[in-house]
Amino acid sequence: MSVATRSEHDLIGDREVPLEAYWGVHTLRALENFPITGIPIGKSPYLVEALASVKQAAAAANHDLGLLDDERHAAITDACEEIRGGALADQFVVDVIQGGAGTSTNMNANEVIANRALELMGHKKGEYALLHPNEHVNLSQSTNDVYPTAVKIAIILATKDLLAAMEVLEESFARKADEFHDVLKMGRTQLQDAVPMTLGQEFHTYSLMIGEDRARLGEAVLLLHEINLGATAIGTMLNAPAGYVSSACEHLARLTGLPLESAVDLIEATQDCGAFVQLSGTLKRVAVKLSKICNDLRLLSSGPRAGFNEINLPAVQAGSSIMPGKVNPVIPEVVNQVAFQIIGHDVTVTMAAESGQLQLNAFEPVICYSLSAGISRLREAIMVLAGRCVDGITANAELLRAEVENSIGLVTALNPYIGYAAATEVAKEALATGRGVAELVLEHGLLPREKLEAILRPETLANLAPRTYQPKP
């Protein structure tokens, strides 16, 4: 069945565009040129929202300066408001990875906004003599200032969600730290018995690690609030009228609710991707530490008969198609995999930023995709880890305490009370016989039972601090 079309024209020539499509000929060529990932920019709601916000702010600034009449300004504004509210996301169809420094994304936005604005004015799609994607929607702009600005806003919004998820996980570990406050266990260094600690201390450390990374990520995202809107092609503000830069930035800050600022030097800001590199490096830091925590959870829960078996992760699904009764640590495993991908994305962002040439970086689309995808997946992974794993962890407290009492590492704690020579002899005998250190200390009369029990209290062995956890309301 043939599809009704309309004819549109660009630099290359004439093409038939589906009559009902809000996008136009520039978007059509991008669809043909960049069948790369199969992921359209419409699947990135923050980017679509940010693009519409930038176009709305630009229209407001152009209207303030007398460059855009009331009717066109109102139509563009209404179209952008609809898109910011989630409408027409399916019309943002170009691939997330594309050549051209984001031009295809910018033109996709220009065409969708123009055609929706034309409808609002009572005209047909494609009647560009009345309202044009370039002449009116893209007025006083270039892809080179629109796209980086929109990308920064999109990543700021996504990072806010990630920071909120990290706070959930931080609190989840903190609750477990409180629950396991005085559960005695052996600490380990290089996978060998070290000295006693508590499971609460172990989980408190995880909470602190997440909290520290949350603070660092919050610092890194602040760098994205400096934008180059109004820079136009290379930062010289060619075709942007006097007063446009400050007006557009003010309107955009109001629309987004973000404390955006114009870059001091727009030429530098147009070519520099340092803020993206900084954020990517911080995301990698989060991923590395989160993966390390998941490694620990898998190790501590290993077994149940032939492993550490110190903690129990919630059983969320059967673990094997051949081994009955097997349950695997699937939640930490999936978080590990997300972390691996983010570490790879950081290499991509690094190379894309390094490969920029002269006054523009043409590789911001892959920077945008790498950061956006990483942030989104990390947020989802963190929420799954908190809700489907950490919240349900239980401790094998009796086993943990028995391991402490039987561990050779216990002699280090007893050394100040029985002396180094006696402690050495006890350690040797314990190793040779397989008997517990505490048992041998009592047998040899090195300490009275009351004194030994006092030393073996978690407060003494682990230098345990009082409970300080306060649940958040």
Protein backbone atom coordinates (compact mmCIF):
# COMPACT_ATOMS: atom_id res chain seq x y z
CA MET A 1 0.00 0.00 0.00
CA SER A 2 1.48 3.36 -0.99
CA VAL A 3 2.00 6.01 1.68
CA ALA A 4 0.83 9.57 1.07
CA THR A 5 3.79 11.96 0.86
CA ARG A 6 4.72 15.60 0.57
CA SER A 7 7.70 16.96 -1.35
CA GLU A 8 10.49 18.77 0.49
CA HIS A 9 13.70 20.35 -0.76
CA ASP A 10 17.19 20.72 0.69
CA LEU A 11 20.76 21.32 -0.48
CA ILE A 12 20.95 17.88 -2.10
CA GLY A 13 17.61 18.06 -3.93
CA ASP A 14 13.95 17.08 -3.63
CA ARG A 15 12.62 14.12 -1.62
CA GLU A 16 9.24 12.69 -0.77
CA VAL A 17 8.51 12.69 2.98
CA PRO A 18 5.59 10.80 4.58
CA LEU A 19 2.69 13.22 4.72
CA GLU A 20 1.90 12.52 8.36
CA ALA A 21 5.51 12.79 9.56
CA TYR A 22 6.41 15.84 11.61
CA TRP A 23 10.03 15.45 10.56
CA GLY A 24 11.24 16.52 7.13
CA VAL A 25 13.85 16.03 4.43
CA HIS A 26 16.91 16.61 6.64
CA THR A 27 15.71 13.96 9.06
CA LEU A 28 14.93 11.60 6.18
CA ARG A 29 18.51 11.79 4.92
CA ALA A 30 19.82 11.19 8.45
CA LEU A 31 17.63 8.07 8.71
CA GLU A 32 19.20 6.77 5.51
CA ASN A 33 22.76 7.76 6.42
CA PHE A 34 22.96 6.60 10.03
CA PRO A 35 21.35 3.17 10.58
CA ILE A 36 23.87 2.55 13.35
CA THR A 37 22.35 1.54 16.69
CA GLY A 38 18.65 1.40 15.91
CA ILE A 39 18.09 3.62 18.95
CA PRO A 40 16.36 6.91 18.03
CA ILE A 41 16.94 10.06 20.05
CA GLY A 42 13.27 9.88 21.00
CA LYS A 43 14.24 7.06 23.37
CA SER A 44 16.21 9.67 25.34
CA PRO A 45 13.40 11.70 26.91
CA TYR A 46 15.72 14.10 28.71
CA LEU A 47 17.46 14.99 25.43
CA VAL A 48 14.15 15.61 23.65
CA GLU A 49 12.96 17.73 26.56
CA ALA A 50 16.24 19.66 26.56
CA LEU A 51 16.10 20.29 22.80
CA ALA A 52 12.57 21.66 23.09
CA SER A 53 13.63 23.83 26.04
CA VAL A 54 16.54 25.29 24.05
CA LYS A 55 14.29 26.04 21.06
CA GLN A 56 11.66 27.63 23.29
CA ALA A 57 14.27 29.79 25.02
CA ALA A 58 15.72 30.84 21.65
CA ALA A 59 12.27 31.77 20.36
CA ALA A 60 11.63 33.85 23.48
CA ALA A 61 14.95 35.70 23.09
CA ASN A 62 14.30 36.33 19.40
CA HIS A 63 10.83 37.62 20.25
CA ASP A 64 12.26 39.90 22.94
CA LEU A 65 14.66 41.37 20.37
CA GLY A 66 11.96 41.88 17.73
CA LEU A 67 13.23 39.18 15.38
CA LEU A 68 10.24 36.84 15.73
CA ASP A 69 6.64 38.04 15.43
CA ASP A 70 3.95 37.28 17.99
CA GLU A 71 2.15 34.58 15.99
CA ARG A 72 5.24 32.52 15.13
CA HIS A 73 6.61 32.96 18.65
CA ALA A 74 3.37 31.71 20.18
CA ALA A 75 3.16 28.72 17.83
CA ILE A 76 6.78 27.69 18.41
CA THR A 77 6.34 28.12 22.16
CA ASP A 78 3.19 25.99 22.24
CA ALA A 79 4.82 23.27 20.14
CA CYS A 80 7.84 23.21 22.43
CA GLU A 81 5.64 23.06 25.52
CA GLU A 82 3.86 20.02 24.10
CA ILE A 83 7.15 18.28 23.34
CA ARG A 84 8.56 19.11 26.76
CA GLY A 85 5.43 17.47 28.17
CA GLY A 86 6.20 14.23 26.31
CA ALA A 87 4.31 14.69 23.03
CA LEU A 88 5.75 13.69 19.63
CA ALA A 89 8.66 11.70 21.11
CA ASP A 90 8.12 9.15 18.34
CA GLN A 91 8.95 11.85 15.78
CA PHE A 92 12.51 12.23 17.05
CA VAL A 93 13.76 9.41 14.88
CA VAL A 94 17.42 10.00 14.00
CA ASP A 95 19.96 7.57 15.44
CA VAL A 96 21.68 8.52 18.69
CA ILE A 97 25.06 8.03 16.98
CA GLN A 98 25.48 10.12 13.85
CA GLY A 99 28.02 12.09 11.88
CA GLY A 100 27.78 15.86 11.65
CA ALA A 101 28.36 16.99 15.25
CA GLY A 102 24.65 16.69 16.08
CA THR A 103 23.29 18.54 13.02
CA SER A 104 20.82 15.73 12.29
CA THR A 105 19.50 15.89 15.85
CA ASN A 106 19.15 19.67 15.68
CA MET A 107 17.35 19.51 12.31
CA ASN A 108 15.08 16.72 13.52
CA ALA A 109 14.03 19.05 16.37
CA ASN A 110 13.71 22.06 14.04
CA GLU A 111 11.46 20.15 11.63
CA VAL A 112 9.22 18.57 14.26
CA ILE A 113 8.74 21.88 16.07
CA ALA A 114 8.13 23.76 12.79
CA ASN A 115 5.53 21.32 11.51
CA ARG A 116 3.69 21.14 14.83
CA ALA A 117 3.76 24.95 15.03
CA LEU A 118 2.34 25.14 11.50
CA GLU A 119 -0.54 22.88 12.57
CA LEU A 120 -1.19 25.09 15.59
CA MET A 121 -1.34 28.07 13.23
CA GLY A 122 -3.93 26.26 11.09
CA HIS A 123 -1.61 25.26 8.25
CA LYS A 124 -0.37 22.01 6.77
CA LYS A 125 2.90 20.29 7.53
CA GLY A 126 5.61 21.34 5.10
CA GLU A 127 4.24 24.85 4.41
CA TYR A 128 7.61 26.29 5.36
CA ALA A 129 7.03 29.63 3.65
CA LEU A 130 4.82 30.43 6.65
CA LEU A 131 7.13 29.07 9.37
CA HIS A 132 10.50 27.55 8.47
CA PRO A 133 12.65 25.08 10.43
CA ASN A 134 15.83 27.07 9.75
CA GLU A 135 14.58 30.62 9.31
CA HIS A 136 12.38 30.68 12.40
CA VAL A 137 12.86 27.67 14.72
CA ASN A 138 16.66 27.80 14.31
CA LEU A 139 16.85 31.61 14.24
CA SER A 140 20.05 33.03 15.84
CA GLN A 141 21.32 29.48 16.40
CA SER A 142 23.71 26.85 15.13
CA THR A 143 23.86 23.15 15.85
CA ASN A 144 27.19 23.95 17.47
CA ASP A 145 25.59 25.82 20.35
CA VAL A 146 22.14 24.17 20.42
CA TYR A 147 23.34 20.57 20.58
CA PRO A 148 26.01 20.89 23.32
CA THR A 149 23.65 22.98 25.42
CA ALA A 150 20.84 20.44 25.07
CA VAL A 151 23.20 17.56 25.82
CA LYS A 152 24.39 19.25 29.02
CA ILE A 153 20.85 19.86 30.21
CA ALA A 154 19.84 16.28 29.42
CA ILE A 155 22.78 14.86 31.34
CA ILE A 156 22.17 17.18 34.30
CA LEU A 157 18.57 15.96 34.52
CA ALA A 158 19.60 12.31 34.20
CA THR A 159 22.33 12.71 36.82
CA LYS A 160 19.80 14.11 39.29
CA ASP A 161 17.92 10.81 39.05
CA LEU A 162 21.15 8.86 39.47
CA LEU A 163 22.10 10.87 42.57
CA ALA A 164 18.69 10.12 44.07
CA ALA A 165 19.17 6.40 43.38
CA MET A 166 22.62 6.47 44.98
CA GLU A 167 21.10 8.00 48.10
CA VAL A 168 18.62 5.11 48.24
CA LEU A 169 21.48 2.58 48.08
CA GLU A 170 23.56 4.51 50.62
CA GLU A 171 20.63 4.41 53.04
CA SER A 172 20.03 0.73 52.34
CA PHE A 173 23.60 -0.14 53.34
CA ALA A 174 23.31 2.16 56.37
CA ARG A 175 20.23 0.28 57.61
CA LYS A 176 22.06 -3.01 57.26
CA ALA A 177 25.06 -1.57 59.09
CA ASP A 178 22.76 -0.71 61.98
CA GLU A 179 21.11 -4.15 61.88
CA PHE A 180 24.51 -5.90 61.91
CA HIS A 181 26.07 -3.43 64.35
CA ASP A 182 27.46 -5.97 66.83
CA VAL A 183 27.67 -9.09 64.64
CA LEU A 184 31.28 -10.16 65.17
CA LYS A 185 33.28 -11.57 62.25
CA MET A 186 36.82 -11.88 60.93
CA GLY A 187 38.20 -9.14 58.76
CA ARG A 188 40.45 -10.21 55.91
CA THR A 189 43.39 -8.81 54.01
CA GLN A 190 44.54 -10.46 50.78
CA LEU A 191 41.80 -13.05 51.41
CA GLN A 192 43.61 -14.22 54.54
CA ASP A 193 42.34 -13.96 58.12
CA ALA A 194 43.34 -10.60 59.58
CA VAL A 195 41.73 -9.26 62.76
CA PRO A 196 38.17 -9.19 64.11
CA MET A 197 35.60 -6.59 63.08
CA THR A 198 31.82 -6.47 62.87
CA LEU A 199 29.57 -7.02 59.90
CA GLY A 200 28.05 -3.66 60.73
CA GLN A 201 31.42 -1.99 60.21
CA GLU A 202 31.74 -3.76 56.87
CA PHE A 203 28.34 -2.55 55.65
CA HIS A 204 28.90 0.92 57.09
CA THR A 205 31.96 1.16 54.86
CA TYR A 206 29.83 0.36 51.82
CA SER A 207 27.40 3.10 52.79
CA LEU A 208 30.24 5.60 53.15
CA MET A 209 31.72 4.60 49.79
CA ILE A 210 28.42 5.29 48.02
CA GLY A 211 28.01 8.57 49.90
CA GLU A 212 31.48 9.78 48.97
CA ASP A 213 30.89 9.00 45.30
CA ARG A 214 27.52 10.74 45.44
CA ALA A 215 29.27 13.90 46.63
CA ARG A 216 31.93 13.67 43.92
CA LEU A 217 29.29 13.15 41.21
CA GLY A 218 27.36 16.16 42.48
CA GLU A 219 30.52 18.24 42.14
CA ALA A 220 31.27 17.00 38.62
CA VAL A 221 27.80 17.74 37.28
CA LEU A 222 28.11 21.39 38.35
CA LEU A 223 30.57 21.91 35.49
CA LEU A 224 27.81 21.19 32.97
CA HIS A 225 25.86 24.28 34.01
CA GLU A 226 28.14 26.49 31.92
CA ILE A 227 26.65 26.61 28.39
CA ASN A 228 27.57 28.10 25.03
CA LEU A 229 24.08 29.00 23.78
CA GLY A 230 24.44 31.99 21.46
CA ALA A 231 27.93 31.02 20.36
CA THR A 232 26.52 29.96 16.97
CA ALA A 233 29.04 28.31 14.63
CA ILE A 234 32.40 28.58 16.41
CA GLY A 235 31.80 30.90 19.33
CA THR A 236 32.04 34.29 17.61
CA MET A 237 28.23 34.79 17.88
CA LEU A 238 27.90 35.30 14.11
CA ASN A 239 24.21 35.94 13.22
CA ALA A 240 23.24 36.22 16.90
CA PRO A 241 22.07 39.80 17.60
CA ALA A 242 23.30 41.90 20.49
CA GLY A 243 21.63 40.87 23.71
CA TYR A 244 20.67 37.42 22.44
CA VAL A 245 23.22 35.43 24.48
CA SER A 246 22.15 36.74 27.86
CA SER A 247 18.44 36.71 26.99
CA ALA A 248 18.47 33.13 25.68
CA CYS A 249 20.42 31.90 28.71
CA GLU A 250 18.04 33.62 31.12
CA HIS A 251 14.98 32.16 29.40
CA LEU A 252 16.55 28.69 29.36
CA ALA A 253 17.43 28.85 33.04
CA ARG A 254 13.86 29.83 33.84
CA LEU A 255 12.36 27.05 31.71
CA THR A 256 14.58 24.30 33.10
CA GLY A 257 14.86 25.55 36.67
CA LEU A 258 18.63 25.08 36.44
CA PRO A 259 21.27 27.68 37.44
CA LEU A 260 22.71 27.89 33.92
CA GLU A 261 25.41 30.41 33.06
CA SER A 262 26.88 31.59 29.77
CA ALA A 263 30.50 30.60 29.31
CA VAL A 264 32.99 33.43 29.74
CA ASP A 265 34.64 32.55 26.42
CA LEU A 266 32.21 31.06 23.89
CA ILE A 267 34.96 30.04 21.46
CA GLU A 268 36.60 27.93 24.14
CA ALA A 269 33.28 26.56 25.33
CA THR A 270 32.26 25.48 21.81
CA GLN A 271 35.28 23.22 21.31
CA ASP A 272 36.05 22.05 24.85
CA CYS A 273 34.56 18.77 26.13
CA GLY A 274 36.41 18.79 29.45
CA ALA A 275 33.23 18.85 31.54
CA PHE A 276 32.04 15.67 29.84
CA VAL A 277 35.39 13.98 30.48
CA GLN A 278 35.24 14.99 34.14
CA LEU A 279 31.74 13.62 34.57
CA SER A 280 32.60 10.41 32.72
CA GLY A 281 35.62 9.85 34.95
CA THR A 282 33.48 10.31 38.02
CA LEU A 283 30.90 7.85 36.68
CA LYS A 284 33.73 5.38 36.17
CA ARG A 285 34.78 5.92 39.79
CA VAL A 286 31.22 5.13 40.91
CA ALA A 287 31.12 2.04 38.68
CA VAL A 288 34.48 0.73 39.88
CA LYS A 289 33.60 1.04 43.57
CA LEU A 290 30.09 -0.31 43.09
CA SER A 291 31.49 -3.31 41.25
CA LYS A 292 33.99 -3.89 44.07
CA ILE A 293 31.13 -3.89 46.59
CA CYS A 294 29.24 -6.41 44.46
CA ASN A 295 32.34 -8.60 44.29
CA ASP A 296 32.41 -8.55 48.09
CA LEU A 297 28.73 -9.45 48.36
CA ARG A 298 29.20 -12.41 46.02
CA LEU A 299 32.25 -13.58 47.97
CA LEU A 300 30.69 -13.14 51.41
CA SER A 301 27.59 -15.07 50.32
CA SER A 302 29.50 -17.82 48.50
CA GLY A 303 28.65 -21.41 49.35
CA PRO A 304 26.43 -22.21 51.08
CA ARG A 305 28.46 -25.25 52.14
CA ALA A 306 31.80 -24.77 50.41
CA GLY A 307 32.18 -21.00 50.51
CA PHE A 308 32.30 -18.14 53.01
CA ASN A 309 28.57 -18.35 53.80
CA GLU A 310 28.80 -15.27 56.04
CA ILE A 311 25.73 -13.55 54.64
CA ASN A 312 22.67 -14.66 52.69
CA LEU A 313 21.50 -12.75 49.62
CA PRO A 314 17.78 -12.89 48.85
CA ALA A 315 16.91 -15.79 46.54
CA VAL A 316 15.27 -14.10 43.55
CA GLN A 317 15.33 -16.90 40.95
CA ALA A 318 16.48 -20.47 40.38
CA GLY A 319 20.17 -20.53 39.59
CA SER A 320 20.62 -23.45 37.25
CA SER A 321 18.88 -25.45 34.56
CA ILE A 322 20.79 -28.59 35.62
CA MET A 323 21.69 -28.25 39.32
CA PRO A 324 18.59 -28.46 41.55
CA GLY A 325 18.53 -26.12 44.53
CA LYS A 326 21.26 -23.81 43.22
CA VAL A 327 20.73 -20.09 43.75
CA ASN A 328 23.13 -17.59 42.18
CA PRO A 329 23.98 -13.99 43.17
CA VAL A 330 22.32 -12.67 40.01
CA ILE A 331 21.68 -9.13 41.25
CA PRO A 332 25.32 -8.33 42.08
CA GLU A 333 26.28 -10.04 38.80
CA VAL A 334 24.10 -7.75 36.71
CA VAL A 335 25.43 -4.69 38.52
CA ASN A 336 28.97 -5.88 37.79
CA GLN A 337 28.13 -6.04 34.09
CA VAL A 338 26.65 -2.53 34.06
CA ALA A 339 29.82 -1.31 35.77
CA PHE A 340 32.00 -2.96 33.12
CA GLN A 341 30.03 -1.18 30.40
CA ILE A 342 30.38 2.21 32.09
CA ILE A 343 34.13 1.73 32.36
CA GLY A 344 34.15 1.07 28.61
CA HIS A 345 31.99 4.14 27.98
CA ASP A 346 34.61 6.22 29.78
CA VAL A 347 37.21 5.15 27.23
CA THR A 348 34.79 6.14 24.46
CA VAL A 349 34.17 9.58 25.99
CA THR A 350 37.90 10.08 26.49
CA MET A 351 38.76 9.28 22.88
CA ALA A 352 35.85 11.31 21.49
CA ALA A 353 36.88 14.37 23.51
CA GLU A 354 40.53 13.96 22.50
CA SER A 355 39.63 13.61 18.81
CA GLY A 356 37.97 17.02 18.50
CA GLN A 357 39.72 19.32 16.06
CA LEU A 358 40.17 23.08 16.08
CA GLN A 359 36.96 25.03 16.86
CA LEU A 360 34.50 22.12 17.18
CA ASN A 361 34.23 18.57 18.43
CA ALA A 362 32.31 16.51 15.88
CA PHE A 363 32.02 13.51 18.17
CA GLU A 364 29.64 14.82 20.82
CA PRO A 365 26.84 12.45 19.71
CA VAL A 366 28.78 9.42 20.95
CA ILE A 367 29.71 11.35 24.11
CA CYS A 368 26.03 12.09 24.66
CA TYR A 369 25.01 8.48 24.05
CA SER A 370 27.77 7.02 26.24
CA LEU A 371 27.02 9.29 29.18
CA SER A 372 23.23 9.09 28.88
CA ALA A 373 23.15 5.32 28.51
CA GLY A 374 25.64 4.83 31.33
CA ILE A 375 23.78 7.11 33.72
CA SER A 376 20.42 5.50 32.94
CA ARG A 377 21.66 1.93 33.30
CA LEU A 378 23.62 2.70 36.43
CA ARG A 379 20.56 4.25 38.04
CA GLU A 380 18.44 1.20 37.24
CA ALA A 381 21.16 -1.18 38.44
CA ILE A 382 21.53 0.70 41.72
CA MET A 383 17.80 0.63 42.40
CA VAL A 384 17.70 -3.11 41.67
CA LEU A 385 20.70 -3.72 43.94
CA ALA A 386 19.11 -1.80 46.80
CA GLY A 387 15.59 -3.18 46.52
CA ARG A 388 16.19 -6.77 45.37
CA CYS A 389 19.43 -7.53 47.17
CA VAL A 390 20.78 -5.31 49.95
CA ASP A 391 17.46 -4.74 51.71
CA GLY A 392 16.99 -8.50 52.10
CA ILE A 393 20.49 -9.55 53.19
CA THR A 394 20.69 -11.61 56.38
CA ALA A 395 23.71 -12.61 58.47
CA ASN A 396 24.85 -16.01 59.71
CA ALA A 397 25.83 -14.52 63.06
CA GLU A 398 26.64 -17.75 64.94
CA LEU A 399 28.89 -19.00 62.17
CA LEU A 400 30.67 -15.64 62.03
CA ARG A 401 31.37 -15.59 65.76
CA ALA A 402 32.58 -19.20 65.71
CA GLU A 403 35.01 -18.29 62.95
CA VAL A 404 36.38 -15.46 65.08
CA GLU A 405 36.84 -17.70 68.10
CA ASN A 406 38.50 -20.37 65.95
CA SER A 407 40.62 -18.01 63.88
CA ILE A 408 44.37 -17.75 64.33
CA GLY A 409 43.89 -14.03 63.80
CA LEU A 410 42.35 -13.81 67.25
CA VAL A 411 45.77 -14.12 68.85
CA THR A 412 46.62 -10.63 67.58
CA ALA A 413 43.82 -9.24 69.76
CA LEU A 414 44.95 -11.37 72.73
CA ASN A 415 48.63 -10.43 72.39
CA PRO A 416 48.43 -7.40 74.76
CA TYR A 417 46.92 -9.62 77.47
CA ILE A 418 48.96 -12.85 77.28
CA GLY A 419 52.18 -11.63 75.69
CA TYR A 420 53.76 -12.24 72.30
CA ALA A 421 55.54 -15.49 73.21
CA ALA A 422 52.45 -17.13 74.65
CA ALA A 423 50.33 -15.87 71.76
CA THR A 424 52.79 -17.42 69.31
CA GLU A 425 52.63 -20.79 71.05
CA VAL A 426 48.83 -20.72 71.08
CA ALA A 427 48.80 -19.88 67.36
CA LYS A 428 51.15 -22.77 66.57
CA GLU A 429 49.07 -25.24 68.57
CA ALA A 430 45.83 -24.02 67.06
CA LEU A 431 47.23 -24.48 63.56
CA ALA A 432 48.59 -27.92 64.36
CA THR A 433 45.50 -29.26 66.08
CA GLY A 434 42.68 -27.36 64.43
CA ARG A 435 41.38 -26.29 67.84
CA GLY A 436 40.14 -22.77 68.61
CA VAL A 437 42.35 -20.05 70.02
CA ALA A 438 39.89 -19.14 72.78
CA GLU A 439 39.59 -22.79 73.79
CA LEU A 440 43.38 -23.15 74.10
CA VAL A 441 43.77 -19.90 76.04
CA LEU A 442 41.30 -21.19 78.63
CA GLU A 443 42.84 -24.66 78.70
CA HIS A 444 46.33 -23.29 79.39
CA GLY A 445 45.04 -20.90 82.03
CA LEU A 446 46.37 -17.87 80.21
CA LEU A 447 43.22 -15.87 80.98
CA PRO A 448 40.19 -16.40 83.21
CA ARG A 449 36.93 -17.02 81.37
CA GLU A 450 35.40 -13.69 82.48
CA LYS A 451 38.39 -11.74 81.18
CA LEU A 452 38.41 -13.64 77.87
CA GLU A 453 34.69 -13.09 77.36
CA ALA A 454 35.17 -9.36 78.01
CA ILE A 455 37.98 -9.21 75.45
CA LEU A 456 35.86 -11.11 72.91
CA ARG A 457 33.05 -8.55 73.14
CA PRO A 458 32.60 -6.74 69.78
CA GLU A 459 33.18 -3.37 71.47
CA THR A 460 36.64 -4.51 72.54
CA LEU A 461 37.70 -6.67 69.60
CA ALA A 462 36.50 -4.36 66.84
CA ASN A 463 36.90 -1.03 68.63
CA LEU A 464 33.20 -0.70 67.97
CA ALA A 465 31.69 2.76 68.05
CA PRO A 466 28.23 3.32 69.54
CA ARG A 467 25.25 3.20 67.21
CA THR A 468 24.83 6.50 65.38
CA TYR A 469 22.44 5.58 62.57
CA GLN A 470 19.31 7.67 62.36
CA PRO A 471 16.70 6.47 59.85
CA LYS A 472 15.69 9.15 57.35
CA PRO A 473 12.06 10.22 57.52
